[in-house]
Protein backbone atom coordinates (compact mmCIF):
# COMPACT_ATOMS: atom_id res chain seq x y z
CA MET A 1 102.53 102.92 104.01
CA LYS A 2 102.65 99.46 105.44
CA PHE A 3 105.18 98.25 107.96
CA ARG A 4 105.64 94.86 109.53
CA GLY A 5 106.74 94.79 113.14
CA PRO A 6 107.37 97.91 115.16
CA LEU A 7 107.06 101.25 113.40
CA PRO A 8 110.33 102.98 112.58
CA PHE A 9 111.44 106.13 114.35
CA GLY A 10 109.60 109.08 112.81
CA TYR A 11 106.29 107.29 112.23
CA LYS A 12 103.18 106.52 114.27
CA LYS A 13 99.86 104.84 113.71
CA GLU A 14 96.67 106.90 113.87
CA ASP A 15 93.32 105.21 113.28
CA GLY A 16 95.08 102.28 111.62
CA ILE A 17 97.01 104.53 109.22
CA VAL A 18 100.77 105.05 109.42
CA VAL A 19 101.65 108.76 109.43
CA GLU A 20 104.94 110.64 109.57
CA ILE A 21 106.00 112.62 112.62
CA PRO A 22 107.76 115.64 111.05
CA GLU A 23 109.56 116.65 114.27
CA GLU A 24 111.16 113.22 114.60
CA LEU A 25 112.11 113.04 110.94
CA GLU A 26 113.71 116.49 111.21
CA ALA A 27 115.60 115.38 114.32
CA LEU A 28 117.08 112.49 112.35
CA GLU A 29 119.18 115.03 110.47
CA ILE A 30 121.63 114.50 113.34
CA LYS A 31 122.84 111.46 111.42
CA ASP A 32 124.89 113.82 109.25
CA LEU A 33 126.89 114.88 112.33
CA ILE A 34 127.41 111.23 113.21
CA LYS A 35 128.62 110.41 109.69
CA ASP A 36 131.09 113.32 109.94
CA LYS A 37 132.22 111.85 113.28
CA SER A 38 131.36 115.14 115.05
CA ILE A 39 129.38 113.18 117.66
CA SER A 40 129.12 109.53 118.65
CA LEU A 41 126.16 107.21 118.08
CA ARG A 42 125.46 107.19 121.82
CA GLU A 43 125.46 111.00 121.97
CA GLY A 44 123.19 111.15 118.93
CA SER A 45 120.83 108.63 120.47
CA ALA A 46 120.68 110.60 123.73
CA TRP A 47 120.08 113.86 121.84
CA LEU A 48 117.22 112.32 119.85
CA GLU A 49 115.55 111.12 123.05
CA PHE A 50 115.98 114.57 124.62
CA ARG A 51 114.65 116.37 121.53
CA THR A 52 111.70 114.11 120.70
CA GLY A 53 110.92 112.24 123.91
CA ARG A 54 111.08 108.98 121.95
CA LYS A 55 113.89 106.54 122.61
CA LEU A 56 116.09 105.20 119.82
CA SER A 57 119.02 103.03 120.85
CA TYR A 58 122.47 103.77 119.49
CA GLN A 59 122.33 100.47 117.60
CA GLY A 60 118.92 101.39 116.14
CA LEU A 61 120.38 104.72 115.04
CA LYS A 62 123.35 102.93 113.45
CA ASN A 63 120.98 100.58 111.62
CA LYS A 64 119.01 103.60 110.33
CA ILE A 65 122.20 105.31 109.11
CA ASP A 66 123.44 102.10 107.45
CA LYS A 67 120.07 101.47 105.77
CA ASP A 68 119.93 105.03 104.45
CA ALA A 69 123.49 104.65 103.11
CA ARG A 70 122.54 101.45 101.29
CA LEU A 71 119.50 103.18 99.76
CA GLY A 72 121.53 106.24 98.81
CA ASN A 73 119.72 108.66 101.15
């Protein structure tokens, strides 16, 4: 995979190759709770940072949710 700019949440670069981080991609399943309005974007963002140790702003999380919705994921 090739990315321009910073790598998205759930990916890292090892030896010049972009690889998935399964734990982070699993943690992104929280977006379903956000879509159902069970939790807020800020709460989801805080939970992701607690669970993975990697920060994702609430706006970054919203952008991820919106992008996935546009792509039908």
